[in-house]
């Protein structure tokens, strides 16, 4: 059930496009965990971050039903591109129809397979990406981060979702499940990484904004 806070936020944010509402509705109908969807508030934030950073090359780790990729693609300048990575191909038809409806299918390349394998096989030390959005297997966040850093331009932005894990990462005692442990290790590593500056936002399950320093 939508909370009073959520209702207030939605009422005071720019409404999502009809195609995004279509993706959200189909996600609720066709998936077991529709709460994994970014949703209109987070989607609008992602779009604005793309626009404000003037990102032209975006990498998304974790496509799900394509909502967040569509949001970011709507914020791209002409000629901008998104590579999005997804392990599960069962929702591909829904994903592609949503992108078609949003008019952004030509801006997004969907790569089905293991994200760590894809990242490990990126060419050389090319700093190709302006913005990276991480929203996949929480156990592997630190792996994604280490693999993608050489391919993020100086001044580029990493956006990591679910970093508070519903408060589990700062609970005392902290739960020892693999997802919470993985996120805690990621958060601690980023906080001590002198190559970046970072801030956590308590939006939904927590979002970290991580900016790669131009000099370090």
N, C-alpha and C. Protein backbone atom coordinates (compact mmCIF):
# COMPACT_ATOMS: atom_id res chain seq x y z
N UNK A 1 0.84 -1.20 0.00
CA UNK A 1 0.00 0.00 0.00
C UNK A 1 0.88 1.25 0.00
N UNK A 2 0.50 2.24 -0.80
CA UNK A 2 1.27 3.48 -0.91
C UNK A 2 1.15 4.29 0.37
N UNK A 3 2.30 4.73 0.90
CA UNK A 3 2.30 5.51 2.13
C UNK A 3 1.88 6.95 1.85
N UNK A 4 1.56 7.68 2.91
CA UNK A 4 1.22 9.09 2.76
C UNK A 4 2.40 9.87 2.18
N UNK A 5 3.63 9.51 2.59
CA UNK A 5 4.80 10.17 2.04
C UNK A 5 4.90 9.93 0.54
N UNK A 6 4.74 8.68 0.12
CA UNK A 6 4.81 8.37 -1.31
C UNK A 6 3.75 9.14 -2.10
N UNK A 7 2.53 9.20 -1.56
CA UNK A 7 1.46 9.93 -2.24
C UNK A 7 1.82 11.40 -2.39
N UNK A 8 2.41 11.97 -1.35
CA UNK A 8 2.80 13.38 -1.40
C UNK A 8 3.91 13.61 -2.42
N UNK A 9 4.90 12.73 -2.40
CA UNK A 9 6.01 12.85 -3.36
C UNK A 9 5.50 12.76 -4.79
N UNK A 10 4.64 11.81 -5.06
CA UNK A 10 4.12 11.63 -6.41
C UNK A 10 3.29 12.83 -6.85
N UNK A 11 2.56 13.41 -5.91
CA UNK A 11 1.72 14.55 -6.25
C UNK A 11 2.51 15.81 -6.55
N UNK A 12 3.75 15.84 -6.10
CA UNK A 12 4.57 17.05 -6.25
C UNK A 12 5.79 16.82 -7.14
N UNK A 13 5.75 15.80 -7.95
CA UNK A 13 6.80 15.53 -8.93
C UNK A 13 6.19 15.53 -10.33
N UNK A 14 7.01 15.79 -11.32
CA UNK A 14 6.54 15.73 -12.71
C UNK A 14 6.04 14.33 -13.01
N UNK A 15 4.87 14.24 -13.58
CA UNK A 15 4.26 12.94 -13.86
C UNK A 15 5.04 12.18 -14.91
N UNK A 16 5.13 10.85 -14.78
CA UNK A 16 5.84 10.05 -15.79
C UNK A 16 5.06 9.96 -17.09
N UNK A 17 5.78 9.69 -18.18
CA UNK A 17 5.16 9.53 -19.48
C UNK A 17 4.25 8.30 -19.48
N UNK A 18 3.24 8.28 -20.35
CA UNK A 18 2.34 7.11 -20.42
C UNK A 18 3.09 5.80 -20.65
N UNK A 19 4.17 5.82 -21.42
CA UNK A 19 4.92 4.58 -21.66
C UNK A 19 5.53 4.04 -20.38
N UNK A 20 5.97 4.92 -19.49
CA UNK A 20 6.53 4.48 -18.21
C UNK A 20 5.43 3.92 -17.31
N UNK A 21 4.25 4.52 -17.37
CA UNK A 21 3.13 3.97 -16.62
C UNK A 21 2.76 2.58 -17.14
N UNK A 22 2.88 2.39 -18.46
CA UNK A 22 2.62 1.08 -19.06
C UNK A 22 3.62 0.05 -18.54
N UNK A 23 4.91 0.40 -18.51
CA UNK A 23 5.93 -0.52 -18.00
C UNK A 23 5.66 -0.87 -16.55
N UNK A 24 5.31 0.13 -15.75
CA UNK A 24 5.04 -0.12 -14.33
C UNK A 24 3.85 -1.06 -14.16
N UNK A 25 2.78 -0.83 -14.94
CA UNK A 25 1.59 -1.69 -14.84
C UNK A 25 1.92 -3.12 -15.25
N UNK A 26 2.66 -3.29 -16.34
CA UNK A 26 3.01 -4.64 -16.79
C UNK A 26 3.95 -5.33 -15.81
N UNK A 27 4.81 -4.56 -15.16
CA UNK A 27 5.69 -5.12 -14.14
C UNK A 27 4.87 -5.68 -12.98
N UNK A 28 3.86 -4.94 -12.57
CA UNK A 28 3.00 -5.40 -11.48
C UNK A 28 2.24 -6.67 -11.86
N UNK A 29 1.89 -6.80 -13.13
CA UNK A 29 1.11 -7.95 -13.58
C UNK A 29 1.98 -9.18 -13.81
N UNK A 30 3.15 -8.99 -14.39
CA UNK A 30 3.92 -10.12 -14.94
C UNK A 30 5.14 -10.53 -14.13
N UNK A 31 5.45 -9.87 -13.01
CA UNK A 31 6.63 -10.24 -12.24
C UNK A 31 6.26 -10.57 -10.81
N UNK A 32 7.09 -11.38 -10.17
CA UNK A 32 6.85 -11.78 -8.78
C UNK A 32 7.28 -10.72 -7.77
N UNK A 33 8.21 -9.86 -8.18
CA UNK A 33 8.74 -8.86 -7.25
C UNK A 33 8.68 -7.47 -7.90
N UNK A 34 7.48 -6.94 -8.12
CA UNK A 34 7.36 -5.65 -8.81
C UNK A 34 7.99 -4.50 -8.03
N UNK A 35 8.23 -4.69 -6.72
CA UNK A 35 8.87 -3.64 -5.93
C UNK A 35 10.31 -3.39 -6.37
N UNK A 36 10.86 -4.27 -7.20
CA UNK A 36 12.20 -4.05 -7.74
C UNK A 36 12.23 -2.92 -8.77
N UNK A 37 11.07 -2.53 -9.28
CA UNK A 37 10.99 -1.43 -10.24
C UNK A 37 11.48 -0.13 -9.61
N UNK A 38 12.19 0.67 -10.35
CA UNK A 38 12.68 1.94 -9.82
C UNK A 38 11.54 2.86 -9.42
N UNK A 39 10.51 2.94 -10.23
CA UNK A 39 9.36 3.77 -9.90
C UNK A 39 9.52 5.22 -10.34
N UNK A 40 8.43 5.99 -10.30
CA UNK A 40 8.44 7.33 -10.89
C UNK A 40 9.35 8.34 -10.21
N UNK A 41 9.49 8.29 -8.88
CA UNK A 41 10.35 9.27 -8.20
C UNK A 41 11.81 8.99 -8.51
N UNK A 42 12.22 7.76 -8.33
CA UNK A 42 13.60 7.39 -8.61
C UNK A 42 13.90 7.50 -10.11
N UNK A 43 12.92 7.15 -10.92
CA UNK A 43 13.10 7.27 -12.37
C UNK A 43 13.32 8.71 -12.79
N UNK A 44 12.56 9.62 -12.20
CA UNK A 44 12.75 11.04 -12.53
C UNK A 44 14.11 11.52 -12.06
N UNK A 45 14.55 11.06 -10.88
CA UNK A 45 15.88 11.42 -10.40
C UNK A 45 16.96 10.94 -11.37
N UNK A 46 16.87 9.69 -11.83
CA UNK A 46 17.85 9.17 -12.77
C UNK A 46 17.88 9.99 -14.05
N UNK A 47 16.70 10.32 -14.55
CA UNK A 47 16.64 11.13 -15.77
C UNK A 47 17.31 12.48 -15.56
N UNK A 48 17.03 13.12 -14.43
CA UNK A 48 17.63 14.43 -14.16
C UNK A 48 19.14 14.33 -13.98
N UNK A 49 19.63 13.24 -13.38
CA UNK A 49 21.07 13.08 -13.24
C UNK A 49 21.75 12.94 -14.59
N UNK A 50 21.12 12.22 -15.51
CA UNK A 50 21.65 12.12 -16.87
C UNK A 50 21.68 13.49 -17.52
N UNK A 51 20.60 14.24 -17.37
CA UNK A 51 20.52 15.56 -17.99
C UNK A 51 21.52 16.53 -17.36
N UNK A 52 21.59 16.55 -16.03
CA UNK A 52 22.46 17.50 -15.34
C UNK A 52 23.94 17.21 -15.58
N UNK A 53 24.27 15.93 -15.72
CA UNK A 53 25.67 15.55 -15.96
C UNK A 53 26.05 15.60 -17.43
N UNK A 54 25.05 15.87 -18.29
CA UNK A 54 25.28 15.89 -19.75
C UNK A 54 25.87 14.57 -20.24
N UNK A 55 25.43 13.47 -19.61
CA UNK A 55 25.96 12.15 -19.97
C UNK A 55 25.54 11.77 -21.39
N UNK A 56 26.49 11.23 -22.14
CA UNK A 56 26.21 10.72 -23.48
C UNK A 56 26.33 9.20 -23.54
N UNK A 57 27.17 8.62 -22.69
CA UNK A 57 27.33 7.17 -22.63
C UNK A 57 26.98 6.70 -21.22
N UNK A 58 25.98 5.86 -21.14
CA UNK A 58 25.48 5.37 -19.85
C UNK A 58 25.57 3.85 -19.83
N UNK A 59 25.95 3.31 -18.69
CA UNK A 59 25.96 1.87 -18.46
C UNK A 59 25.02 1.56 -17.31
N UNK A 60 24.10 0.63 -17.53
CA UNK A 60 23.20 0.19 -16.48
C UNK A 60 23.47 -1.29 -16.19
N UNK A 61 23.64 -1.61 -14.93
CA UNK A 61 23.86 -3.00 -14.51
C UNK A 61 22.60 -3.46 -13.79
N UNK A 62 21.76 -4.20 -14.49
CA UNK A 62 20.49 -4.65 -13.96
C UNK A 62 19.32 -3.98 -14.66
N UNK A 63 18.75 -4.63 -15.67
CA UNK A 63 17.70 -4.03 -16.49
C UNK A 63 16.30 -4.22 -15.91
N UNK A 64 16.03 -5.42 -15.37
CA UNK A 64 14.71 -5.83 -14.89
C UNK A 64 13.69 -5.65 -16.02
N UNK A 65 12.68 -4.79 -15.86
CA UNK A 65 11.69 -4.63 -16.93
C UNK A 65 11.93 -3.39 -17.78
N UNK A 66 13.09 -2.76 -17.63
CA UNK A 66 13.48 -1.69 -18.54
C UNK A 66 13.03 -0.30 -18.16
N UNK A 67 12.42 -0.15 -16.98
CA UNK A 67 11.88 1.16 -16.57
C UNK A 67 12.99 2.20 -16.40
N UNK A 68 14.00 1.86 -15.61
CA UNK A 68 15.06 2.83 -15.34
C UNK A 68 15.85 3.16 -16.60
N UNK A 69 16.08 2.18 -17.46
CA UNK A 69 16.78 2.45 -18.71
C UNK A 69 15.98 3.42 -19.58
N UNK A 70 14.65 3.23 -19.62
CA UNK A 70 13.81 4.15 -20.39
C UNK A 70 13.88 5.56 -19.83
N UNK A 71 13.84 5.68 -18.50
CA UNK A 71 13.93 7.00 -17.87
C UNK A 71 15.24 7.69 -18.25
N UNK A 72 16.35 6.98 -18.12
CA UNK A 72 17.65 7.58 -18.43
C UNK A 72 17.76 7.91 -19.91
N UNK A 73 17.23 7.04 -20.77
CA UNK A 73 17.28 7.28 -22.21
C UNK A 73 16.51 8.54 -22.59
N UNK A 74 15.42 8.81 -21.88
CA UNK A 74 14.65 10.03 -22.15
C UNK A 74 15.45 11.29 -21.81
N UNK A 75 16.46 11.16 -20.97
CA UNK A 75 17.29 12.30 -20.61
C UNK A 75 18.54 12.46 -21.44
N UNK A 76 18.80 11.53 -22.35
CA UNK A 76 20.01 11.58 -23.15
C UNK A 76 19.93 12.67 -24.22
N UNK A 77 21.07 13.28 -24.55
CA UNK A 77 21.10 14.19 -25.70
C UNK A 77 21.08 13.39 -26.99
N UNK A 78 20.89 14.06 -28.09
CA UNK A 78 20.90 13.38 -29.39
C UNK A 78 22.23 12.66 -29.59
N UNK A 79 22.15 11.41 -30.00
CA UNK A 79 23.36 10.60 -30.19
C UNK A 79 23.81 9.86 -28.95
N UNK A 80 23.14 10.09 -27.81
CA UNK A 80 23.50 9.39 -26.58
C UNK A 80 23.10 7.92 -26.62
N UNK A 81 23.81 7.10 -25.84
CA UNK A 81 23.58 5.65 -25.87
C UNK A 81 23.62 5.08 -24.46
N UNK A 82 22.85 4.01 -24.25
CA UNK A 82 22.87 3.24 -23.01
C UNK A 82 23.19 1.78 -23.33
N UNK A 83 24.14 1.21 -22.60
CA UNK A 83 24.33 -0.24 -22.55
C UNK A 83 23.70 -0.72 -21.26
N UNK A 84 22.79 -1.67 -21.35
CA UNK A 84 22.17 -2.20 -20.13
C UNK A 84 22.34 -3.70 -20.07
N UNK A 85 22.67 -4.20 -18.88
CA UNK A 85 23.05 -5.60 -18.69
C UNK A 85 22.00 -6.31 -17.85
N UNK A 86 21.61 -7.51 -18.30
CA UNK A 86 20.61 -8.29 -17.58
C UNK A 86 20.92 -9.77 -17.73
N UNK A 87 20.87 -10.49 -16.62
CA UNK A 87 21.16 -11.92 -16.64
C UNK A 87 19.97 -12.73 -17.15
N UNK A 88 18.76 -12.31 -16.81
CA UNK A 88 17.55 -13.07 -17.11
C UNK A 88 16.91 -12.57 -18.41
N UNK A 89 16.68 -13.48 -19.35
CA UNK A 89 16.08 -13.07 -20.63
C UNK A 89 14.57 -13.27 -20.69
N UNK A 90 13.94 -13.69 -19.59
CA UNK A 90 12.52 -14.03 -19.61
C UNK A 90 11.62 -12.83 -19.85
N UNK A 91 12.08 -11.63 -19.51
CA UNK A 91 11.25 -10.44 -19.65
C UNK A 91 11.63 -9.59 -20.86
N UNK A 92 12.43 -10.14 -21.76
CA UNK A 92 12.96 -9.34 -22.87
C UNK A 92 11.85 -8.74 -23.73
N UNK A 93 10.79 -9.51 -24.02
CA UNK A 93 9.72 -8.99 -24.87
C UNK A 93 9.04 -7.79 -24.22
N UNK A 94 8.78 -7.89 -22.91
CA UNK A 94 8.18 -6.77 -22.20
C UNK A 94 9.10 -5.55 -22.22
N UNK A 95 10.38 -5.80 -21.97
CA UNK A 95 11.38 -4.73 -21.95
C UNK A 95 11.39 -3.98 -23.27
N UNK A 96 11.48 -4.71 -24.35
CA UNK A 96 11.61 -4.07 -25.67
C UNK A 96 10.33 -3.35 -26.07
N UNK A 97 9.17 -3.90 -25.72
CA UNK A 97 7.92 -3.20 -26.04
C UNK A 97 7.83 -1.89 -25.27
N UNK A 98 8.24 -1.91 -24.01
CA UNK A 98 8.23 -0.67 -23.23
C UNK A 98 9.11 0.39 -23.84
N UNK A 99 10.29 0.01 -24.27
CA UNK A 99 11.20 0.97 -24.90
C UNK A 99 10.63 1.49 -26.21
N UNK A 100 9.99 0.62 -26.97
CA UNK A 100 9.34 1.06 -28.22
C UNK A 100 8.27 2.10 -27.91
N UNK A 101 7.44 1.81 -26.90
CA UNK A 101 6.38 2.74 -26.54
C UNK A 101 6.94 4.09 -26.08
N UNK A 102 8.08 4.07 -25.42
CA UNK A 102 8.70 5.31 -24.94
C UNK A 102 9.49 6.03 -26.03
N UNK A 103 9.67 5.39 -27.18
CA UNK A 103 10.41 6.00 -28.27
C UNK A 103 11.91 6.06 -28.05
N UNK A 104 12.44 5.13 -27.25
CA UNK A 104 13.87 5.18 -26.91
C UNK A 104 14.62 3.91 -27.31
N UNK A 105 13.95 3.00 -28.02
CA UNK A 105 14.57 1.71 -28.33
C UNK A 105 15.88 1.87 -29.10
N UNK A 106 15.98 2.92 -29.92
CA UNK A 106 17.18 3.11 -30.72
C UNK A 106 18.35 3.68 -29.92
N UNK A 107 18.12 4.01 -28.65
CA UNK A 107 19.17 4.58 -27.80
C UNK A 107 19.73 3.57 -26.81
N UNK A 108 19.16 2.36 -26.79
CA UNK A 108 19.51 1.39 -25.75
C UNK A 108 19.95 0.08 -26.38
N UNK A 109 21.07 -0.45 -25.90
CA UNK A 109 21.54 -1.79 -26.30
C UNK A 109 21.41 -2.71 -25.10
N UNK A 110 20.62 -3.78 -25.27
CA UNK A 110 20.42 -4.76 -24.20
C UNK A 110 21.40 -5.90 -24.37
N UNK A 111 22.15 -6.19 -23.30
CA UNK A 111 23.14 -7.27 -23.31
C UNK A 111 22.70 -8.32 -22.29
N UNK A 112 22.34 -9.51 -22.77
CA UNK A 112 21.90 -10.58 -21.89
C UNK A 112 23.11 -11.43 -21.51
N UNK A 113 23.31 -11.63 -20.20
CA UNK A 113 24.43 -12.44 -19.73
C UNK A 113 24.94 -11.94 -18.40
N UNK A 114 26.01 -12.54 -17.94
CA UNK A 114 26.58 -12.20 -16.64
C UNK A 114 27.27 -10.84 -16.71
N UNK A 115 26.91 -9.94 -15.80
CA UNK A 115 27.44 -8.58 -15.82
C UNK A 115 28.95 -8.56 -15.60
N UNK A 116 29.43 -9.40 -14.70
CA UNK A 116 30.87 -9.39 -14.41
C UNK A 116 31.67 -9.85 -15.62
N UNK A 117 31.15 -10.80 -16.37
CA UNK A 117 31.84 -11.23 -17.59
C UNK A 117 31.85 -10.10 -18.62
N UNK A 118 30.74 -9.42 -18.79
CA UNK A 118 30.67 -8.30 -19.73
C UNK A 118 31.69 -7.22 -19.35
N UNK A 119 31.70 -6.85 -18.08
CA UNK A 119 32.61 -5.79 -17.63
C UNK A 119 34.07 -6.20 -17.74
N UNK A 120 34.36 -7.47 -17.44
CA UNK A 120 35.74 -7.95 -17.52
C UNK A 120 36.26 -7.95 -18.95
N UNK A 121 35.34 -7.99 -19.91
CA UNK A 121 35.74 -8.05 -21.31
C UNK A 121 35.64 -6.71 -22.04
N UNK A 122 35.39 -5.63 -21.31
CA UNK A 122 35.41 -4.32 -21.94
C UNK A 122 36.84 -4.01 -22.40
N UNK A 123 36.99 -3.34 -23.53
CA UNK A 123 38.33 -3.16 -24.08
C UNK A 123 39.20 -2.22 -23.26
N UNK A 124 40.37 -2.70 -22.91
CA UNK A 124 41.44 -1.88 -22.35
C UNK A 124 41.04 -1.01 -21.18
N UNK A 125 41.64 0.18 -21.11
CA UNK A 125 41.39 1.14 -20.04
C UNK A 125 40.61 2.33 -20.57
N UNK A 126 39.80 2.13 -21.61
CA UNK A 126 39.06 3.23 -22.20
C UNK A 126 38.00 3.74 -21.22
N UNK A 127 38.01 5.05 -21.01
CA UNK A 127 37.06 5.68 -20.09
C UNK A 127 35.83 6.10 -20.89
N UNK A 128 35.00 5.10 -21.20
CA UNK A 128 33.91 5.31 -22.15
C UNK A 128 32.63 5.86 -21.53
N UNK A 129 32.40 5.61 -20.26
CA UNK A 129 31.09 5.90 -19.69
C UNK A 129 31.10 7.18 -18.85
N UNK A 130 30.01 7.93 -19.00
CA UNK A 130 29.82 9.16 -18.23
C UNK A 130 29.03 8.90 -16.96
N UNK A 131 28.16 7.90 -17.01
CA UNK A 131 27.31 7.57 -15.86
C UNK A 131 27.06 6.08 -15.82
N UNK A 132 27.14 5.50 -14.64
CA UNK A 132 26.89 4.07 -14.44
C UNK A 132 25.83 3.92 -13.36
N UNK A 133 24.79 3.14 -13.65
CA UNK A 133 23.74 2.87 -12.67
C UNK A 133 23.80 1.40 -12.29
N UNK A 134 23.99 1.13 -11.00
CA UNK A 134 24.11 -0.24 -10.49
C UNK A 134 22.85 -0.60 -9.71
N UNK A 135 22.14 -1.62 -10.20
CA UNK A 135 20.93 -2.10 -9.53
C UNK A 135 20.74 -3.58 -9.88
N UNK A 136 21.67 -4.40 -9.44
CA UNK A 136 21.64 -5.82 -9.78
C UNK A 136 21.89 -6.64 -8.51
N UNK A 137 22.64 -7.74 -8.62
CA UNK A 137 22.89 -8.64 -7.50
C UNK A 137 23.68 -7.91 -6.40
N UNK A 138 23.05 -7.75 -5.25
CA UNK A 138 23.67 -6.97 -4.17
C UNK A 138 24.97 -7.61 -3.67
N UNK A 139 25.08 -8.93 -3.81
CA UNK A 139 26.30 -9.62 -3.38
C UNK A 139 27.51 -9.21 -4.23
N UNK A 140 27.24 -8.70 -5.44
CA UNK A 140 28.31 -8.46 -6.40
C UNK A 140 28.59 -6.97 -6.63
N UNK A 141 28.00 -6.09 -5.83
CA UNK A 141 28.18 -4.65 -6.06
C UNK A 141 29.66 -4.25 -6.07
N UNK A 142 30.42 -4.77 -5.14
CA UNK A 142 31.83 -4.38 -5.08
C UNK A 142 32.59 -4.87 -6.30
N UNK A 143 32.24 -6.04 -6.81
CA UNK A 143 32.85 -6.54 -8.04
C UNK A 143 32.53 -5.61 -9.21
N UNK A 144 31.25 -5.23 -9.33
CA UNK A 144 30.87 -4.32 -10.42
C UNK A 144 31.66 -3.02 -10.32
N UNK A 145 31.74 -2.50 -9.12
CA UNK A 145 32.43 -1.22 -8.91
C UNK A 145 33.88 -1.28 -9.34
N UNK A 146 34.58 -2.31 -8.90
CA UNK A 146 35.99 -2.43 -9.24
C UNK A 146 36.20 -2.62 -10.74
N UNK A 147 35.30 -3.36 -11.37
CA UNK A 147 35.43 -3.63 -12.80
C UNK A 147 35.10 -2.42 -13.66
N UNK A 148 34.17 -1.58 -13.19
CA UNK A 148 33.72 -0.48 -14.03
C UNK A 148 34.54 0.79 -13.85
N UNK A 149 35.22 0.94 -12.73
CA UNK A 149 35.94 2.18 -12.48
C UNK A 149 36.92 2.57 -13.58
N UNK A 150 37.69 1.62 -14.14
CA UNK A 150 38.62 2.01 -15.22
C UNK A 150 37.91 2.52 -16.47
N UNK A 151 36.61 2.28 -16.58
CA UNK A 151 35.87 2.65 -17.79
C UNK A 151 34.94 3.84 -17.56
N UNK A 152 35.07 4.47 -16.40
CA UNK A 152 34.31 5.67 -16.08
C UNK A 152 35.22 6.88 -16.25
N UNK A 153 34.74 7.87 -16.98
CA UNK A 153 35.57 9.04 -17.22
C UNK A 153 35.79 9.83 -15.92
N UNK A 154 36.90 10.56 -15.81
CA UNK A 154 37.07 11.45 -14.66
C UNK A 154 35.92 12.46 -14.61
N UNK A 155 35.35 12.64 -13.45
CA UNK A 155 34.18 13.48 -13.30
C UNK A 155 32.88 12.73 -13.52
N UNK A 156 32.97 11.46 -13.95
CA UNK A 156 31.78 10.66 -14.19
C UNK A 156 31.12 10.21 -12.90
N UNK A 157 29.90 9.72 -13.03
CA UNK A 157 29.06 9.43 -11.88
C UNK A 157 28.62 7.97 -11.85
N UNK A 158 28.75 7.34 -10.69
CA UNK A 158 28.15 6.03 -10.42
C UNK A 158 26.96 6.24 -9.48
N UNK A 159 25.83 5.68 -9.85
CA UNK A 159 24.63 5.72 -9.01
C UNK A 159 24.35 4.29 -8.58
N UNK A 160 24.39 4.03 -7.29
CA UNK A 160 24.18 2.68 -6.77
C UNK A 160 22.89 2.64 -5.96
N UNK A 161 22.01 1.71 -6.33
CA UNK A 161 20.69 1.62 -5.70
C UNK A 161 20.71 0.61 -4.55
N UNK A 162 19.76 0.78 -3.63
CA UNK A 162 19.50 -0.17 -2.53
C UNK A 162 20.64 -0.27 -1.52
N UNK A 163 21.43 0.77 -1.37
CA UNK A 163 22.64 0.68 -0.55
C UNK A 163 22.35 0.64 0.95
N UNK A 164 21.14 0.97 1.37
CA UNK A 164 20.80 0.90 2.80
C UNK A 164 20.08 -0.39 3.16
N UNK A 165 19.60 -1.11 2.16
CA UNK A 165 18.99 -2.43 2.37
C UNK A 165 17.96 -2.40 3.51
N UNK A 166 17.07 -1.39 3.42
CA UNK A 166 16.03 -1.30 4.44
C UNK A 166 16.54 -1.08 5.84
N UNK A 167 17.73 -0.50 5.96
CA UNK A 167 18.32 -0.25 7.27
C UNK A 167 19.18 -1.38 7.79
N UNK A 168 19.24 -2.48 7.07
CA UNK A 168 20.00 -3.63 7.56
C UNK A 168 21.49 -3.33 7.68
N UNK A 169 22.04 -2.52 6.77
CA UNK A 169 23.49 -2.29 6.78
C UNK A 169 23.97 -1.53 8.01
N UNK A 170 23.05 -0.78 8.67
CA UNK A 170 23.47 -0.06 9.88
C UNK A 170 22.79 -0.58 11.14
N UNK A 171 22.10 -1.71 11.03
CA UNK A 171 21.50 -2.32 12.22
C UNK A 171 22.57 -2.86 13.16
N UNK A 172 22.25 -2.87 14.44
CA UNK A 172 23.17 -3.43 15.44
C UNK A 172 22.41 -4.46 16.29
N UNK A 173 22.76 -5.73 16.17
CA UNK A 173 23.80 -6.28 15.29
C UNK A 173 23.34 -6.31 13.84
N UNK A 174 24.28 -6.26 12.94
CA UNK A 174 23.96 -6.29 11.51
C UNK A 174 23.68 -7.72 11.07
N UNK A 175 22.63 -7.95 10.30
CA UNK A 175 22.36 -9.29 9.78
C UNK A 175 23.53 -9.80 8.95
N UNK A 176 23.72 -11.11 8.95
CA UNK A 176 24.88 -11.70 8.27
C UNK A 176 24.53 -12.34 6.94
N UNK A 177 23.33 -12.05 6.41
CA UNK A 177 22.98 -12.62 5.11
C UNK A 177 23.88 -12.06 4.03
N UNK A 178 23.98 -12.78 2.91
CA UNK A 178 24.95 -12.46 1.86
C UNK A 178 24.68 -11.10 1.22
N UNK A 179 23.42 -10.74 1.04
CA UNK A 179 23.12 -9.47 0.40
C UNK A 179 23.53 -8.30 1.29
N UNK A 180 23.17 -8.36 2.56
CA UNK A 180 23.54 -7.28 3.47
C UNK A 180 25.06 -7.19 3.61
N UNK A 181 25.72 -8.32 3.73
CA UNK A 181 27.19 -8.33 3.84
C UNK A 181 27.83 -7.75 2.59
N UNK A 182 27.29 -8.09 1.43
CA UNK A 182 27.83 -7.58 0.18
C UNK A 182 27.67 -6.07 0.07
N UNK A 183 26.52 -5.56 0.44
CA UNK A 183 26.29 -4.12 0.39
C UNK A 183 27.14 -3.38 1.41
N UNK A 184 27.27 -3.94 2.61
CA UNK A 184 28.10 -3.29 3.63
C UNK A 184 29.55 -3.20 3.18
N UNK A 185 30.05 -4.27 2.57
CA UNK A 185 31.43 -4.26 2.07
C UNK A 185 31.59 -3.22 0.96
N UNK A 186 30.60 -3.13 0.09
CA UNK A 186 30.62 -2.13 -0.98
C UNK A 186 30.63 -0.72 -0.40
N UNK A 187 29.72 -0.45 0.52
CA UNK A 187 29.62 0.89 1.11
C UNK A 187 30.92 1.28 1.81
N UNK A 188 31.51 0.35 2.56
CA UNK A 188 32.75 0.65 3.28
C UNK A 188 33.89 0.92 2.30
N UNK A 189 33.96 0.13 1.23
CA UNK A 189 35.04 0.31 0.26
C UNK A 189 34.93 1.67 -0.42
N UNK A 190 33.72 2.02 -0.85
CA UNK A 190 33.52 3.30 -1.54
C UNK A 190 33.86 4.46 -0.62
N UNK A 191 33.43 4.37 0.64
CA UNK A 191 33.68 5.46 1.59
C UNK A 191 35.18 5.70 1.80
N UNK A 192 36.00 4.67 1.62
CA UNK A 192 37.44 4.80 1.83
C UNK A 192 38.23 4.96 0.53
N UNK A 193 37.55 4.97 -0.61
CA UNK A 193 38.21 5.05 -1.91
C UNK A 193 38.53 6.50 -2.22
N UNK A 194 39.79 6.85 -2.25
CA UNK A 194 40.21 8.24 -2.44
C UNK A 194 40.06 8.71 -3.89
N UNK A 195 39.69 7.79 -4.78
CA UNK A 195 39.46 8.17 -6.17
C UNK A 195 38.11 8.84 -6.38
N UNK A 196 37.25 8.78 -5.37
CA UNK A 196 35.88 9.26 -5.54
C UNK A 196 35.45 10.13 -4.37
N UNK A 197 34.35 10.87 -4.59
CA UNK A 197 33.62 11.52 -3.51
C UNK A 197 32.19 11.00 -3.58
N UNK A 198 31.56 10.79 -2.42
CA UNK A 198 30.28 10.09 -2.42
C UNK A 198 29.34 10.65 -1.37
N UNK A 199 28.05 10.49 -1.63
CA UNK A 199 27.01 10.85 -0.68
C UNK A 199 25.87 9.84 -0.82
N UNK A 200 25.27 9.47 0.32
CA UNK A 200 24.11 8.58 0.32
C UNK A 200 22.84 9.39 0.49
N UNK A 201 21.82 9.03 -0.26
CA UNK A 201 20.51 9.67 -0.14
C UNK A 201 19.51 8.64 0.37
N UNK A 202 18.72 8.97 1.38
CA UNK A 202 17.76 8.00 1.93
C UNK A 202 16.47 7.94 1.12
N UNK A 203 16.60 7.73 -0.17
CA UNK A 203 15.46 7.58 -1.07
C UNK A 203 15.17 6.09 -1.22
N UNK A 204 13.93 5.69 -0.93
CA UNK A 204 13.53 4.29 -0.96
C UNK A 204 14.51 3.45 -0.13
N UNK A 205 15.23 2.53 -0.78
CA UNK A 205 16.18 1.66 -0.06
C UNK A 205 17.58 2.26 0.00
N UNK A 206 17.72 3.53 -0.38
CA UNK A 206 19.01 4.20 -0.34
C UNK A 206 19.69 4.25 -1.69
N UNK A 207 20.21 5.41 -2.05
CA UNK A 207 20.94 5.60 -3.29
C UNK A 207 22.25 6.30 -2.97
N UNK A 208 23.36 5.77 -3.49
CA UNK A 208 24.65 6.44 -3.37
C UNK A 208 24.99 7.13 -4.69
N UNK A 209 25.40 8.38 -4.58
CA UNK A 209 25.96 9.10 -5.72
C UNK A 209 27.47 9.14 -5.53
N UNK A 210 28.19 8.58 -6.48
CA UNK A 210 29.63 8.41 -6.37
C UNK A 210 30.29 9.08 -7.57
N UNK A 211 31.04 10.15 -7.34
CA UNK A 211 31.66 10.89 -8.43
C UNK A 211 33.15 10.59 -8.48
N UNK A 212 33.62 10.18 -9.64
CA UNK A 212 35.05 9.93 -9.83
C UNK A 212 35.79 11.25 -9.91
N UNK A 213 36.76 11.45 -9.03
CA UNK A 213 37.50 12.70 -9.02
C UNK A 213 38.26 12.90 -10.33
N UNK A 214 38.37 14.14 -10.74
CA UNK A 214 39.13 14.44 -11.95
C UNK A 214 40.61 14.24 -11.72
N UNK A 215 41.07 14.59 -10.54
CA UNK A 215 42.45 14.30 -10.12
C UNK A 215 42.41 13.65 -8.75
N UNK A 216 43.29 12.68 -8.52
CA UNK A 216 43.35 12.02 -7.21
C UNK A 216 44.74 11.48 -6.98
